[in-house]
Amino acid sequence: MQNRIILIVVGLALIFGVGFFVYSTKQPVFIPPEEIIDQTPSPTPTPSVVVATPKPTPTPTPTPTFISTPTPSGITLSQIALHNSRSSCWSAINGNVYDLTSWIPYHPGGENTILSICGKNGSGAYNGEHGGSSKTAKILIGFKIGVLVQ
């Protein structure tokens, strides 16, 4: 009988010991990318934490701003010419006028590509590179601020 009690005590001690060991070892924790992006990183990261790759920078939301007032029938090339810089970049493309200012740093072909058509009719450059692309047309429409007056 005494041997049986000893076996039960040793068995329970073994079970609790293994349980405590498993409980005390840190397991990797999955943190969704949304939470990682919004949190400031801790000064000493814990190596057992799984760090997810942050989401890519989203396409900017166009915010049309009229620095020079368009005519009721549309925007003229002389008005577009006033917006020829990184801080205000308008371009006419295929009869429409676009404020591309917020798109400059996100253009996959580089900033200079957009900067080269600021304040101008950029139809030739756009059509030469993107003519017929529905993907770029969908992006471009979000930056439309008016119609070009001929």
Protein backbone atom coordinates (compact mmCIF):
# COMPACT_ATOMS: atom_id res chain seq x y z
CA MET A 1 0.00 0.00 0.00
CA GLN A 2 2.78 2.37 0.90
CA ASN A 3 4.46 1.72 -2.48
CA ARG A 4 1.21 2.61 -4.22
CA ILE A 5 0.99 5.96 -2.40
CA ILE A 6 4.61 6.74 -3.28
CA LEU A 7 3.90 5.96 -6.96
CA ILE A 8 0.83 8.22 -6.93
CA VAL A 9 2.77 11.10 -5.29
CA VAL A 10 5.69 10.70 -7.74
CA GLY A 11 3.26 10.53 -10.67
CA LEU A 12 1.43 13.68 -9.57
CA ALA A 13 4.74 15.48 -8.98
CA LEU A 14 5.87 14.47 -12.45
CA ILE A 15 2.61 15.65 -14.03
CA PHE A 16 2.71 18.99 -12.21
CA GLY A 17 6.42 19.40 -12.97
CA VAL A 18 5.92 18.84 -16.70
CA GLY A 19 2.86 21.09 -16.67
CA PHE A 20 4.77 23.87 -14.92
CA PHE A 21 7.66 23.52 -17.39
CA VAL A 22 5.34 23.75 -20.40
CA TYR A 23 3.45 26.67 -18.86
CA SER A 24 6.60 28.60 -17.94
CA THR A 25 8.28 28.34 -21.36
CA LYS A 26 7.27 31.21 -23.59
CA GLN A 27 5.52 30.18 -26.75
CA PRO A 28 5.60 32.36 -29.91
CA VAL A 29 2.65 34.72 -30.01
CA PHE A 30 1.03 35.76 -33.28
CA ILE A 31 0.20 39.45 -33.43
CA PRO A 32 -1.91 40.57 -36.40
CA PRO A 33 -0.09 43.08 -38.69
CA GLU A 34 -2.69 45.79 -37.94
CA GLU A 35 -1.68 45.78 -34.26
CA ILE A 36 2.04 45.84 -35.03
CA ILE A 37 1.74 48.81 -37.37
CA ASP A 38 -0.20 50.88 -34.83
CA GLN A 39 2.08 50.14 -31.86
CA THR A 40 5.40 51.68 -30.97
CA PRO A 41 8.04 48.94 -30.85
CA SER A 42 9.24 47.99 -27.37
CA PRO A 43 12.82 49.00 -26.52
CA THR A 44 13.88 45.38 -26.04
CA PRO A 45 11.94 43.06 -28.36
CA THR A 46 11.22 39.58 -27.06
CA PRO A 47 12.77 37.02 -29.42
CA SER A 48 9.85 34.61 -28.97
CA VAL A 49 7.32 37.04 -30.49
CA VAL A 50 6.45 36.45 -34.14
CA VAL A 51 6.65 39.78 -35.98
CA ALA A 52 4.45 40.07 -39.06
CA THR A 53 5.44 42.07 -42.12
CA PRO A 54 3.75 45.49 -42.12
CA LYS A 55 1.18 46.25 -44.79
CA PRO A 56 2.40 48.14 -47.85
CA THR A 57 1.75 51.86 -47.90
CA PRO A 58 -1.76 52.40 -49.27
CA THR A 59 -2.40 54.47 -52.36
CA PRO A 60 -3.02 58.05 -51.22
CA THR A 61 -6.53 59.40 -51.27
CA PRO A 62 -6.71 62.26 -53.77
CA THR A 63 -7.59 65.61 -52.26
CA PRO A 64 -8.37 68.11 -54.99
CA THR A 65 -7.42 71.65 -54.11
CA PHE A 66 -8.17 74.58 -56.36
CA ILE A 67 -5.49 77.20 -55.86
CA SER A 68 -6.57 79.01 -59.00
CA THR A 69 -10.29 79.02 -59.67
CA PRO A 70 -11.39 77.04 -62.72
CA THR A 71 -13.78 78.62 -65.16
CA PRO A 72 -17.38 77.31 -65.16
CA SER A 73 -16.60 75.42 -68.36
CA GLY A 74 -13.34 73.89 -67.09
CA ILE A 75 -9.67 74.57 -66.37
CA THR A 76 -7.37 76.34 -68.83
CA LEU A 77 -3.77 75.50 -69.67
CA SER A 78 -2.72 78.85 -68.20
CA GLN A 79 -4.28 77.84 -64.87
CA ILE A 80 -2.57 74.45 -65.06
CA ALA A 81 0.78 76.18 -65.72
CA LEU A 82 0.55 77.82 -62.26
CA HIS A 83 0.73 74.34 -60.67
CA ASN A 84 4.13 73.22 -61.91
CA SER A 85 5.93 72.15 -58.74
CA ARG A 86 6.19 69.38 -56.15
CA SER A 87 3.96 71.37 -53.79
CA SER A 88 1.20 71.79 -56.39
CA CYS A 89 1.27 69.55 -59.44
CA TRP A 90 -1.58 69.68 -61.95
CA SER A 91 -1.50 68.10 -65.38
CA ALA A 92 -3.90 67.80 -68.29
CA ILE A 93 -4.21 64.28 -69.63
CA ASN A 94 -6.53 63.40 -72.49
CA GLY A 95 -8.89 66.34 -71.92
CA ASN A 96 -9.14 66.07 -68.13
CA VAL A 97 -7.16 67.87 -65.43
CA TYR A 98 -5.60 66.01 -62.51
CA ASP A 99 -4.03 67.17 -59.25
CA LEU A 100 -1.13 64.72 -58.98
CA THR A 101 0.57 66.38 -56.00
CA SER A 102 -0.17 63.59 -53.51
CA TRP A 103 0.77 60.87 -56.05
CA ILE A 104 4.33 62.14 -56.69
CA PRO A 105 6.06 60.06 -53.96
CA TYR A 106 4.03 56.95 -54.78
CA HIS A 107 4.46 56.76 -58.56
CA PRO A 108 6.11 53.39 -59.34
CA GLY A 109 8.16 54.98 -62.14
CA GLY A 110 9.68 57.51 -59.78
CA GLU A 111 8.94 61.06 -58.73
CA ASN A 112 10.65 62.67 -61.72
CA THR A 113 8.18 61.06 -64.09
CA ILE A 114 5.29 62.94 -62.49
CA LEU A 115 7.31 66.11 -61.88
CA SER A 116 8.09 66.28 -65.60
CA ILE A 117 4.40 66.77 -66.46
CA CYS A 118 3.48 69.22 -63.67
CA GLY A 119 1.91 72.39 -65.07
CA LYS A 120 1.64 70.91 -68.60
CA ASN A 121 -0.44 68.82 -70.90
CA GLY A 122 0.97 65.41 -70.03
CA SER A 123 -1.15 63.43 -72.50
CA GLY A 124 1.79 62.39 -74.67
CA ALA A 125 3.91 61.17 -71.78
CA TYR A 126 0.99 59.38 -70.14
CA ASN A 127 -0.23 57.70 -73.34
CA GLY A 128 3.32 56.71 -74.31
CA GLU A 129 3.79 54.90 -71.00
CA HIS A 130 0.27 53.86 -69.94
CA GLY A 131 -1.98 54.21 -73.00
CA GLY A 132 -4.81 51.69 -72.83
CA SER A 133 -4.03 50.46 -69.29
CA SER A 134 -7.23 50.14 -67.29
CA LYS A 135 -5.26 49.81 -64.03
CA THR A 136 -3.56 53.20 -64.41
CA ALA A 137 -6.80 54.76 -65.67
CA LYS A 138 -8.54 53.65 -62.46
CA ILE A 139 -5.79 55.21 -60.34
CA LEU A 140 -5.74 58.41 -62.41
CA ILE A 141 -9.51 59.02 -62.19
CA GLY A 142 -9.17 59.43 -58.43
CA PHE A 143 -7.04 62.55 -58.97
CA LYS A 144 -9.40 64.28 -61.45
CA ILE A 145 -10.24 67.87 -60.55
CA GLY A 146 -11.85 69.09 -63.76
CA VAL A 147 -12.02 69.22 -67.53
CA LEU A 148 -9.51 70.97 -69.78
CA VAL A 149 -10.84 73.99 -71.68
CA GLN A 150 -9.41 74.12 -75.20
